[in-house]
Amino acid sequence: MRFSHRAWRLLVSVLGVVAVTVVTRTVIAVNPTTAGFAYLLLILILATTWGFVEAAFASIIATVAFNFFFFPPVGTLTIADPQNWVALFSFLATSLIASRLSAMARRRAQDALDRHQDVERLYTFSRAILLIESTEPFPKQLTQKLADIFDLSAVVLYERRSGQFFRAGPSDFEGMDDQLRETAVHGTSSFDSERDHVITAVRLGSEPIASLALKGRQMPDSVLQGIANLVAIGLERARAQGLAHEIEAARQSERLRTTLIDAMAHEFKTPLTLIKGATTSLLDNPDQPEESRTELLRIADEEAEHLRELIDHAVELARLDTDRIDLQREPADVGELVRSAIDAMRNEIDDRPFTVACDAGIPVIALDRRLVLLAIKQLLDNAIKYAPPNTPVTVEAHITDGRVILEFIDQGEGIPPHELGRIFDRFYRSPSVERRIPGSGLGLSIAQRIAQAHGGDLTVTSHPGRTTFRLTLPAESDGL
């Protein structure tokens, strides 16, 4: 293919000399000096366009044509006047030197353009590294960006720490895995001109951390080293981000455990105190009236049941502190769950006006009763805590577009617009209420996770005097 291109260019060079000869000899009929400048102009154009070889070939052909058509005796390759020999060889030397200089200038301009393009590609690659998202493994996206930006047919990245290979590009390397592993261990580099590929080590400081194989285009060592350095920076950045996420997850998990332990300890104290008080009274006064003993036993029994529920809730909260929530689905009536939650929270509700309105035709759906009951209690507790005393709290249930919607409405002061996007974050509490109203900042996050685990969601709308939390659950009854 390369030979055919060169042959075509040489043929065009010959045709160019022929064209100049015809024009200067027959069409315009210029003197030899003008004809020499015309040939020289053609040669400079060829040198600038294609390079020295084509221009040098055209220089020789033009010298022969110059001699044959313009120096007497015309029509022969001999020269009568010795001064014309000097002019002819001066023309040839000038043509060759001008061709060489023009070709060098062209090559330097092309090299400068290539360097500029390489710098632009390196800059684009560095920006792409910063913008890589966490949707896929970082090294996989890194190799794909590298192949796209530098127009490479194949890229293979071997990460020494994980021992994994990441590939990109329309083609692939075959039988290179062992060489990539060796390069990542010893920090060597190799280039194969026949197979048009290069393998280089990726170093962080002096230590090789990966190896990189590139195929598709030759590039200067400086560009190759720049790519390797950017890959090293990208891999180390991804590793640092991963460690930061792990540390944050561990910190959040530890904070969650501490908060839950504190909350459960506080919750356990009330029923334990009442049970201890009832049993101590029975032991200290075994002869008290039967009515009094029955009342004390009833208190102990109710508080023991309350304690059992708290323990169940603690277990459920522990289940929620995992990446995946296993649901124990069973048929359930959503309205019944709301009423059960209200009955269990009579002490918290006290004398507050409470309204429950369920639309007719709400189906029995498959859900995890304990988790959904926990979510409903969290939302009821939230409405009770943030609504002014003696203002009503309303729970409404609707069926819309195949989804059951529970709305928890209170008449509190509302949630500031800039906080609406954060209230479902773990441990987040509004600065305006965290000192006035007790809480851990977990309730809404827990309720939302339960809704999402069921394929639904928990959203909120709020303005002063009315806040509505919407718990959405799919109404499909698969398995019922």
Protein backbone atom coordinates (compact mmCIF):
# COMPACT_ATOMS: atom_id res chain seq x y z
CA MET A 1 0.00 0.00 0.00
CA ARG A 2 2.85 2.38 0.88
CA PHE A 3 4.66 1.58 -2.39
CA SER A 4 1.56 2.23 -4.49
CA HIS A 5 1.09 5.64 -2.85
CA ARG A 6 4.72 6.56 -3.56
CA ALA A 7 4.49 5.39 -7.18
CA TRP A 8 1.34 7.45 -7.70
CA ARG A 9 3.03 10.54 -6.28
CA LEU A 10 6.09 10.07 -8.54
CA LEU A 11 3.81 9.74 -11.54
CA VAL A 12 2.01 12.95 -10.57
CA SER A 13 5.42 14.66 -10.20
CA VAL A 14 6.38 13.64 -13.73
CA LEU A 15 3.03 14.86 -15.05
CA GLY A 16 3.58 18.15 -13.23
CA VAL A 17 6.94 18.63 -14.97
CA VAL A 18 5.31 17.78 -18.30
CA ALA A 19 2.54 20.30 -17.65
CA VAL A 20 5.01 23.09 -16.79
CA THR A 21 7.04 22.23 -19.89
CA VAL A 22 4.02 22.38 -22.19
CA VAL A 23 2.81 25.68 -20.72
CA THR A 24 6.20 27.43 -20.80
CA ARG A 25 7.22 25.98 -24.17
CA THR A 26 4.10 26.25 -26.31
CA VAL A 27 1.31 28.13 -24.53
CA ILE A 28 3.19 31.11 -23.17
CA ALA A 29 6.62 30.66 -24.81
CA VAL A 30 8.73 32.15 -22.03
CA ASN A 31 12.49 32.55 -21.86
CA PRO A 32 14.70 29.92 -20.11
CA THR A 33 14.99 31.97 -16.90
CA THR A 34 11.23 32.16 -16.47
CA ALA A 35 10.90 28.47 -17.26
CA GLY A 36 13.51 27.66 -14.59
CA PHE A 37 11.52 29.59 -11.99
CA ALA A 38 8.34 27.76 -13.03
CA TYR A 39 10.07 24.39 -12.55
CA LEU A 40 11.46 25.55 -9.21
CA LEU A 41 7.99 26.64 -8.06
CA LEU A 42 6.59 23.20 -8.95
CA ILE A 43 9.38 21.49 -7.01
CA LEU A 44 8.76 23.63 -3.92
CA ILE A 45 5.05 22.78 -4.07
CA LEU A 46 5.84 19.06 -4.29
CA ALA A 47 8.32 19.28 -1.39
CA THR A 48 5.83 21.12 0.78
CA THR A 49 2.98 18.77 -0.07
CA TRP A 50 4.60 15.33 -0.12
CA GLY A 51 8.25 15.51 0.91
CA PHE A 52 11.84 15.35 -0.31
CA VAL A 53 11.74 12.13 -2.36
CA GLU A 54 9.02 13.31 -4.71
CA ALA A 55 10.60 16.78 -4.98
CA ALA A 56 14.07 15.35 -5.68
CA PHE A 57 12.68 13.07 -8.38
CA ALA A 58 10.85 16.02 -9.93
CA SER A 59 14.10 18.07 -9.73
CA ILE A 60 15.98 15.51 -11.85
CA ILE A 61 13.16 15.23 -14.37
CA ALA A 62 12.86 19.04 -14.51
CA THR A 63 16.64 19.40 -15.04
CA VAL A 64 16.49 17.00 -17.99
CA ALA A 65 13.47 18.82 -19.44
CA PHE A 66 15.14 22.20 -18.88
CA ASN A 67 18.20 21.03 -20.78
CA PHE A 68 16.26 19.39 -23.62
CA PHE A 69 13.71 22.12 -24.31
CA PHE A 70 15.40 25.41 -23.33
CA PHE A 71 19.22 25.22 -23.69
CA PRO A 72 20.69 25.30 -27.17
CA PRO A 73 21.02 23.17 -29.09
CA VAL A 74 17.28 22.63 -28.31
CA GLY A 75 16.01 19.09 -28.73
CA THR A 76 19.22 17.45 -27.50
CA LEU A 77 20.69 16.68 -24.11
CA THR A 78 23.94 18.49 -24.94
CA ILE A 79 24.81 22.09 -24.09
CA ALA A 80 26.82 24.29 -26.46
CA ASP A 81 27.55 27.20 -24.15
CA PRO A 82 29.62 26.27 -21.02
CA GLN A 83 27.83 28.99 -19.09
CA ASN A 84 24.60 27.02 -19.51
CA TRP A 85 26.26 24.05 -17.79
CA VAL A 86 26.79 26.23 -14.76
CA ALA A 87 23.18 27.47 -14.96
CA LEU A 88 21.85 23.92 -15.32
CA PHE A 89 23.75 22.51 -12.37
CA SER A 90 22.94 25.61 -10.32
CA PHE A 91 19.28 24.98 -11.10
CA LEU A 92 19.59 21.32 -10.04
CA ALA A 93 21.42 22.20 -6.81
CA THR A 94 18.95 24.97 -6.02
CA SER A 95 16.05 22.62 -6.65
CA LEU A 96 17.47 19.90 -4.40
CA ILE A 97 18.40 22.28 -1.59
CA ALA A 98 15.06 24.06 -1.76
CA SER A 99 13.30 20.70 -1.78
CA ARG A 100 15.28 19.59 1.25
CA LEU A 101 14.61 22.78 3.18
CA SER A 102 10.95 22.81 2.27
CA ALA A 103 10.57 19.15 3.27
CA MET A 104 12.33 19.81 6.58
CA ALA A 105 10.07 22.77 7.27
CA ARG A 106 7.04 20.66 6.42
CA ARG A 107 8.23 17.83 8.69
CA ARG A 108 8.91 20.23 11.54
CA ALA A 109 5.48 21.79 11.13
CA GLN A 110 3.92 18.33 11.12
CA ASP A 111 5.94 17.34 14.21
CA ALA A 112 4.80 20.50 15.98
CA LEU A 113 1.20 19.74 15.02
CA ASP A 114 1.56 16.15 16.22
CA ARG A 115 3.04 17.32 19.53
CA HIS A 116 0.22 19.82 19.91
CA GLN A 117 -2.35 17.09 19.25
CA ASP A 118 -0.59 14.76 21.70
CA VAL A 119 -0.65 17.46 24.38
CA GLU A 120 -4.34 18.04 23.72
CA ARG A 121 -5.01 14.30 23.97
CA LEU A 122 -3.08 14.07 27.24
CA TYR A 123 -5.06 17.01 28.61
CA THR A 124 -8.34 15.46 27.47
CA PHE A 125 -7.30 12.14 29.02
CA SER A 126 -6.44 13.81 32.33
CA ARG A 127 -9.86 15.52 32.39
CA ALA A 128 -11.58 12.25 31.52
CA ILE A 129 -9.86 10.57 34.49
CA LEU A 130 -11.29 13.20 36.82
CA LEU A 131 -14.80 12.77 35.38
CA ILE A 132 -14.93 8.95 35.52
CA GLU A 133 -17.98 7.85 37.49
CA SER A 134 -18.37 4.89 39.82
CA THR A 135 -20.91 3.05 37.67
CA GLU A 136 -18.28 0.57 36.44
CA PRO A 137 -14.81 -0.46 37.66
CA PHE A 138 -12.42 2.48 37.37
CA PRO A 139 -9.65 0.62 35.43
CA LYS A 140 -12.22 -0.61 32.87
CA GLN A 141 -13.43 2.93 32.18
CA LEU A 142 -9.82 4.16 32.18
CA THR A 143 -8.79 1.78 29.39
CA GLN A 144 -11.88 2.66 27.35
CA LYS A 145 -11.16 6.40 27.66
CA LEU A 146 -7.55 5.80 26.64
CA ALA A 147 -8.56 3.82 23.54
CA ASP A 148 -11.13 6.42 22.49
CA ILE A 149 -9.04 9.55 23.05
CA PHE A 150 -5.79 8.26 21.43
CA ASP A 151 -7.62 6.31 18.69
CA LEU A 152 -6.00 3.00 19.61
CA SER A 153 -7.14 -0.33 18.22
CA ALA A 154 -6.35 -2.21 21.44
CA VAL A 155 -5.51 -1.33 25.04
CA VAL A 156 -4.80 -3.79 27.85
CA LEU A 157 -4.20 -2.71 31.43
CA TYR A 158 -2.92 -5.20 33.99
CA GLU A 159 -3.35 -4.04 37.57
CA ARG A 160 -0.79 -5.69 39.78
CA ARG A 161 -2.66 -5.14 43.05
CA SER A 162 -5.84 -6.93 41.97
CA GLY A 163 -4.27 -9.22 39.36
CA GLN A 164 -6.97 -8.30 36.84
CA PHE A 165 -6.78 -7.47 33.13
CA PHE A 166 -8.89 -4.67 31.65
CA ARG A 167 -9.29 -4.47 27.87
CA ALA A 168 -10.66 -1.90 25.43
CA GLY A 169 -10.65 -1.21 21.71
CA PRO A 170 -12.03 -3.03 18.67
CA SER A 171 -9.17 -5.57 18.53
CA ASP A 172 -7.23 -7.44 21.19
CA PHE A 173 -3.79 -8.74 22.07
CA GLU A 174 -3.21 -12.46 22.06
CA GLY A 175 -0.74 -14.26 24.29
CA MET A 176 0.41 -11.10 26.08
CA ASP A 177 -0.80 -11.82 29.60
CA ASP A 178 2.47 -13.31 30.88
CA GLN A 179 4.50 -10.45 29.39
CA LEU A 180 2.19 -7.89 31.00
CA ARG A 181 2.57 -9.60 34.39
CA GLU A 182 6.36 -9.62 34.02
CA THR A 183 6.40 -5.96 33.02
CA ALA A 184 4.27 -5.04 36.06
CA VAL A 185 6.69 -6.88 38.36
CA HIS A 186 10.06 -5.81 36.90
CA GLY A 187 9.11 -2.41 35.47
CA THR A 188 10.48 -3.12 31.97
CA SER A 189 9.22 -1.86 28.60
CA SER A 190 9.24 -3.36 25.10
CA PHE A 191 8.31 -2.31 21.57
CA ASP A 192 7.43 -4.57 18.64
CA SER A 193 7.51 -2.67 15.33
CA GLU A 194 6.29 -5.67 13.33
CA ARG A 195 3.19 -6.16 15.46
CA ASP A 196 2.88 -2.39 15.99
CA HIS A 197 2.46 -2.48 19.75
CA VAL A 198 4.25 -1.29 22.85
CA ILE A 199 4.21 -2.54 26.44
CA THR A 200 5.27 -0.22 29.24
CA ALA A 201 5.27 -0.29 33.02
CA VAL A 202 3.02 2.02 35.01
CA ARG A 203 4.93 3.35 37.99
CA LEU A 204 3.93 5.19 41.12
CA GLY A 205 7.19 6.80 42.12
CA SER A 206 9.78 4.08 41.58
CA GLU A 207 7.45 1.15 42.20
CA PRO A 208 5.65 -0.48 39.24
CA ILE A 209 1.96 -0.90 40.06
CA ALA A 210 0.61 -1.97 36.64
CA SER A 211 1.51 -2.53 33.01
CA LEU A 212 -0.02 -1.14 29.86
CA ALA A 213 -0.11 -2.52 26.30
CA LEU A 214 -1.06 -0.18 23.44
CA LYS A 215 -1.69 -1.01 19.79
CA GLY A 216 -2.73 1.10 16.83
CA ARG A 217 -0.35 4.05 16.51
CA GLN A 218 3.24 4.94 17.25
CA MET A 219 3.80 7.74 19.73
CA PRO A 220 6.87 9.47 21.17
CA ASP A 221 8.37 8.22 24.41
CA SER A 222 7.36 11.44 26.15
CA VAL A 223 3.70 10.90 25.24
CA LEU A 224 3.87 7.24 26.24
CA GLN A 225 5.41 8.21 29.57
CA GLY A 226 2.75 10.87 30.06
CA ILE A 227 0.02 8.28 29.49
CA ALA A 228 1.65 5.90 31.97
CA ASN A 229 1.94 8.66 34.58
CA LEU A 230 -1.72 9.66 34.15
CA VAL A 231 -2.80 6.02 34.42
CA ALA A 232 -0.77 5.68 37.63
CA ILE A 233 -2.34 8.84 39.06
CA GLY A 234 -5.81 7.63 38.06
CA LEU A 235 -5.34 4.19 39.64
CA GLU A 236 -4.00 5.69 42.85
CA ARG A 237 -6.85 8.22 42.94
CA ALA A 238 -9.40 5.43 42.50
CA ARG A 239 -7.70 3.44 45.25
CA ALA A 240 -7.71 6.46 47.57
CA GLN A 241 -11.40 7.08 46.86
CA GLY A 242 -12.18 3.43 47.52
CA LEU A 243 -10.36 3.56 50.85
CA ALA A 244 -12.16 6.80 51.73
CA HIS A 245 -15.53 5.18 50.98
CA GLU A 246 -14.62 2.15 53.07
CA ILE A 247 -13.51 4.35 55.95
CA GLU A 248 -16.67 6.45 55.72
CA ALA A 249 -18.85 3.34 55.54
CA ALA A 250 -17.09 1.91 58.58
CA ARG A 251 -17.45 5.19 60.42
CA GLN A 252 -21.14 5.44 59.55
CA SER A 253 -21.69 1.82 60.55
CA GLU A 254 -19.95 2.39 63.87
CA ARG A 255 -21.93 5.56 64.43
CA LEU A 256 -25.13 3.70 63.59
CA ARG A 257 -24.32 0.93 66.05
CA THR A 258 -23.50 3.45 68.76
CA THR A 259 -26.68 5.41 68.11
CA LEU A 260 -28.81 2.29 68.08
CA ILE A 261 -27.26 1.02 71.29
CA ASP A 262 -27.87 4.36 72.98
CA ALA A 263 -31.42 4.54 71.65
CA MET A 264 -32.24 0.96 72.58
CA ALA A 265 -30.73 1.40 76.05
CA HIS A 266 -32.92 4.43 76.59
CA GLU A 267 -36.00 2.63 75.26
CA PHE A 268 -35.32 -0.49 77.34
CA LYS A 269 -35.11 1.48 80.58
CA THR A 270 -38.80 2.43 80.68
CA PRO A 271 -40.35 -1.07 80.47
CA LEU A 272 -37.61 -2.56 82.64
CA THR A 273 -38.22 0.07 85.29
CA LEU A 274 -41.96 -0.61 85.28
CA ILE A 275 -41.47 -4.39 85.37
CA LYS A 276 -38.96 -4.05 88.20
CA GLY A 277 -41.33 -1.76 90.09
CA ALA A 278 -44.27 -4.18 89.74
CA THR A 279 -42.30 -7.27 90.76
CA THR A 280 -40.64 -5.45 93.67
CA SER A 281 -44.04 -4.30 94.93
CA LEU A 282 -45.37 -7.86 94.74
CA LEU A 283 -42.37 -9.26 96.58
CA ASP A 284 -42.41 -6.59 99.27
CA ASN A 285 -46.17 -6.83 99.86
CA PRO A 286 -47.30 -10.39 99.11
CA ASP A 287 -50.50 -9.91 101.15
CA GLN A 288 -51.84 -6.88 99.27
CA PRO A 289 -55.37 -7.09 97.80
CA GLU A 290 -55.96 -9.29 94.80
CA GLU A 291 -57.06 -6.32 92.67
CA SER A 292 -53.77 -4.57 93.31
CA ARG A 293 -51.75 -7.71 92.58
CA THR A 294 -53.66 -8.20 89.33
CA GLU A 295 -52.97 -4.63 88.27
CA LEU A 296 -49.27 -5.01 89.00
CA LEU A 297 -49.12 -8.28 87.06
CA ARG A 298 -50.95 -6.64 84.16
CA ILE A 299 -48.41 -3.80 84.12
CA ALA A 300 -45.55 -6.28 84.20
CA ASP A 301 -47.12 -8.31 81.37
CA GLU A 302 -47.76 -5.25 79.17
CA GLU A 303 -44.27 -3.91 79.69
CA ALA A 304 -42.75 -7.32 79.03
CA GLU A 305 -44.63 -7.33 75.71
CA HIS A 306 -43.37 -3.79 75.05
CA LEU A 307 -39.85 -4.97 75.80
CA ARG A 308 -40.26 -7.87 73.37
CA GLU A 309 -41.36 -5.44 70.64
CA LEU A 310 -38.33 -3.24 71.28
CA ILE A 311 -36.05 -6.23 70.93
CA ASP A 312 -37.78 -7.16 67.67
CA HIS A 313 -37.28 -3.62 66.41
CA ALA A 314 -33.61 -3.73 67.33
CA VAL A 315 -33.25 -6.92 65.30
CA GLU A 316 -35.01 -5.30 62.34
CA LEU A 317 -32.76 -2.26 62.54
CA ALA A 318 -29.73 -4.55 62.48
CA ARG A 319 -31.17 -6.19 59.35
CA LEU A 320 -31.45 -2.76 57.74
CA ASP A 321 -27.77 -2.00 58.33
CA THR A 322 -26.78 -4.19 55.37
CA ASP A 323 -26.50 -3.67 51.63
CA ARG A 324 -29.33 -6.09 50.91
CA ILE A 325 -32.58 -6.41 52.86
CA ASP A 326 -34.17 -9.86 52.84
CA LEU A 327 -37.94 -9.46 52.86
CA GLN A 328 -40.25 -12.00 54.50
CA ARG A 329 -43.33 -11.29 52.40
CA GLU A 330 -46.79 -12.33 53.49
CA PRO A 331 -50.35 -11.11 52.77
CA ALA A 332 -51.18 -7.96 54.71
CA ASP A 333 -53.92 -5.36 54.96
CA VAL A 334 -52.28 -1.92 54.92
CA GLY A 335 -55.16 -0.32 56.83
CA GLU A 336 -54.85 -2.95 59.53
CA LEU A 337 -51.12 -2.27 59.82
CA VAL A 338 -51.81 1.46 60.28
CA ARG A 339 -54.33 0.77 63.04
CA SER A 340 -51.92 -1.68 64.72
CA ALA A 341 -49.19 0.96 64.70
CA ILE A 342 -51.55 3.55 66.19
CA ASP A 343 -52.64 1.11 68.94
CA ALA A 344 -49.01 0.38 69.79
CA MET A 345 -48.29 4.11 70.12
CA ARG A 346 -51.24 5.14 72.30
CA ASN A 347 -48.94 6.51 75.00
CA GLU A 348 -47.14 8.75 72.48
CA ILE A 349 -50.39 9.85 70.82
CA ASP A 350 -52.05 10.66 74.16
CA ASP A 351 -54.97 13.08 73.58
CA ARG A 352 -53.84 14.30 70.14
CA PRO A 353 -56.61 14.27 67.47
CA PHE A 354 -55.92 11.39 65.10
CA THR A 355 -57.72 10.57 61.83
CA VAL A 356 -57.36 7.48 59.65
CA ALA A 357 -59.06 7.43 56.24
CA CYS A 358 -58.68 4.42 53.95
CA ASP A 359 -60.25 4.30 50.49
CA ALA A 360 -62.46 1.35 49.67
CA GLY A 361 -60.98 -1.36 47.45
CA ILE A 362 -57.41 -1.26 48.74
CA PRO A 363 -56.19 -4.83 48.12
CA VAL A 364 -54.31 -7.16 50.42
CA ILE A 365 -50.68 -7.01 49.25
CA ALA A 366 -47.55 -9.05 49.83
CA LEU A 367 -45.07 -7.30 52.11
CA ASP A 368 -42.85 -7.79 55.11
CA ARG A 369 -45.31 -7.00 57.89
CA ARG A 370 -42.74 -6.27 60.57
CA LEU A 371 -40.66 -3.94 58.39
CA VAL A 372 -43.63 -2.01 57.00
CA LEU A 373 -45.10 -1.74 60.50
CA LEU A 374 -41.74 -0.36 61.64
CA ALA A 375 -41.78 2.20 58.79
CA ILE A 376 -45.33 3.28 59.65
CA LYS A 377 -44.36 3.72 63.32
CA GLN A 378 -41.36 5.81 62.32
CA LEU A 379 -43.57 8.09 60.21
CA LEU A 380 -46.23 8.35 62.93
CA ASP A 381 -43.56 9.15 65.50
CA ASN A 382 -42.12 11.80 63.18
CA ALA A 383 -45.55 13.43 62.68
CA ILE A 384 -46.27 13.42 66.44
CA LYS A 385 -42.88 14.91 67.37
CA TYR A 386 -42.90 17.75 64.86
CA ALA A 387 -46.58 18.77 64.99
CA PRO A 388 -47.65 21.28 67.68
CA PRO A 389 -49.61 19.81 70.63
CA ASN A 390 -53.36 19.34 70.12
CA THR A 391 -53.07 19.68 66.32
CA PRO A 392 -54.47 16.75 64.33
CA VAL A 393 -52.43 14.09 62.56
CA THR A 394 -54.05 12.40 59.56
CA VAL A 395 -53.24 9.11 57.87
CA GLU A 396 -54.82 8.50 54.46
CA ALA A 397 -54.57 5.38 52.29
CA HIS A 398 -55.23 5.42 48.53
CA ILE A 399 -54.85 3.06 45.58
CA THR A 400 -53.50 4.79 42.45
CA ASP A 401 -52.09 3.28 39.25
CA GLY A 402 -51.44 -0.08 40.84
CA ARG A 403 -49.71 1.38 43.90
CA VAL A 404 -50.87 1.79 47.49
CA ILE A 405 -50.09 5.25 48.86
CA LEU A 406 -50.05 6.04 52.57
CA GLU A 407 -50.01 9.75 53.39
CA PHE A 408 -48.98 10.98 56.84
CA ILE A 409 -50.10 14.60 57.26
CA ASP A 410 -49.28 16.94 60.12
CA GLN A 411 -49.78 20.66 60.70
CA GLY A 412 -46.29 21.49 61.90
CA GLU A 413 -44.17 24.47 60.94
CA GLY A 414 -42.92 22.68 57.83
CA ILE A 415 -39.52 21.73 56.47
CA PRO A 416 -37.32 24.48 54.95
CA PRO A 417 -36.95 23.99 51.16
CA HIS A 418 -33.15 23.71 51.36
CA GLU A 419 -33.46 20.78 53.78
CA LEU A 420 -35.95 18.69 51.77
CA GLY A 421 -33.15 16.97 49.88
CA ARG A 422 -31.36 15.89 53.06
CA ILE A 423 -34.01 14.74 55.51
CA PHE A 424 -33.72 11.13 54.32
CA ASP A 425 -29.95 11.07 54.93
CA ARG A 426 -28.82 8.97 57.85
CA PHE A 427 -28.25 10.94 61.04
CA TYR A 428 -29.34 14.23 59.46
CA ARG A 429 -31.34 16.48 61.76
CA SER A 430 -32.40 20.03 61.08
CA PRO A 431 -30.26 22.52 63.05
CA SER A 432 -33.45 24.40 63.95
CA VAL A 433 -34.94 21.47 65.90
CA GLU A 434 -32.13 19.15 66.94
CA ARG A 435 -31.79 20.83 70.34
CA ARG A 436 -35.54 21.12 70.96
CA ILE A 437 -36.81 17.72 69.81
CA PRO A 438 -35.09 14.43 70.68
CA GLY A 439 -34.19 11.98 67.92
CA SER A 440 -31.35 10.13 66.21
CA GLY A 441 -31.88 11.17 62.57
CA LEU A 442 -32.45 7.54 61.57
CA GLY A 443 -36.23 7.16 61.43
CA LEU A 444 -36.91 8.64 57.99
CA SER A 445 -33.86 6.94 56.49
CA ILE A 446 -35.05 3.59 57.84
CA ALA A 447 -38.58 4.13 56.53
CA GLN A 448 -37.31 5.07 53.08
CA ARG A 449 -35.04 2.02 52.89
CA ILE A 450 -37.95 -0.24 53.82
CA ALA A 451 -40.13 1.33 51.12
CA GLN A 452 -37.41 1.02 48.47
CA ALA A 453 -36.71 -2.60 49.45
CA HIS A 454 -40.37 -3.32 48.62
CA GLY A 455 -40.05 -1.61 45.22
CA GLY A 456 -41.70 1.60 46.44
CA ASP A 457 -40.48 4.90 47.79
CA LEU A 458 -40.90 7.54 50.48
CA THR A 459 -41.20 11.20 49.47
CA VAL A 460 -42.19 14.44 51.15
CA THR A 461 -43.85 17.75 50.34
CA SER A 462 -43.92 20.55 52.88
CA HIS A 463 -44.91 24.13 53.47
CA PRO A 464 -45.71 25.98 56.73
CA GLY A 465 -48.79 24.42 58.33
CA ARG A 466 -48.79 21.18 56.30
CA THR A 467 -46.22 18.45 55.79
CA THR A 468 -47.07 15.25 53.92
CA PHE A 469 -44.94 12.10 53.79
CA ARG A 470 -46.01 9.64 51.07
CA LEU A 471 -45.12 5.99 51.56
CA THR A 472 -45.66 4.17 48.25
CA LEU A 473 -45.89 0.37 47.96
CA PRO A 474 -46.57 -1.77 44.87
CA ALA A 475 -50.10 -3.21 44.93
CA GLU A 476 -49.20 -6.37 42.99
CA SER A 477 -50.25 -9.46 44.86
CA ASP A 478 -47.77 -11.96 43.43
CA GLY A 479 -47.74 -15.14 45.35
CA LEU A 480 -51.01 -14.47 47.15
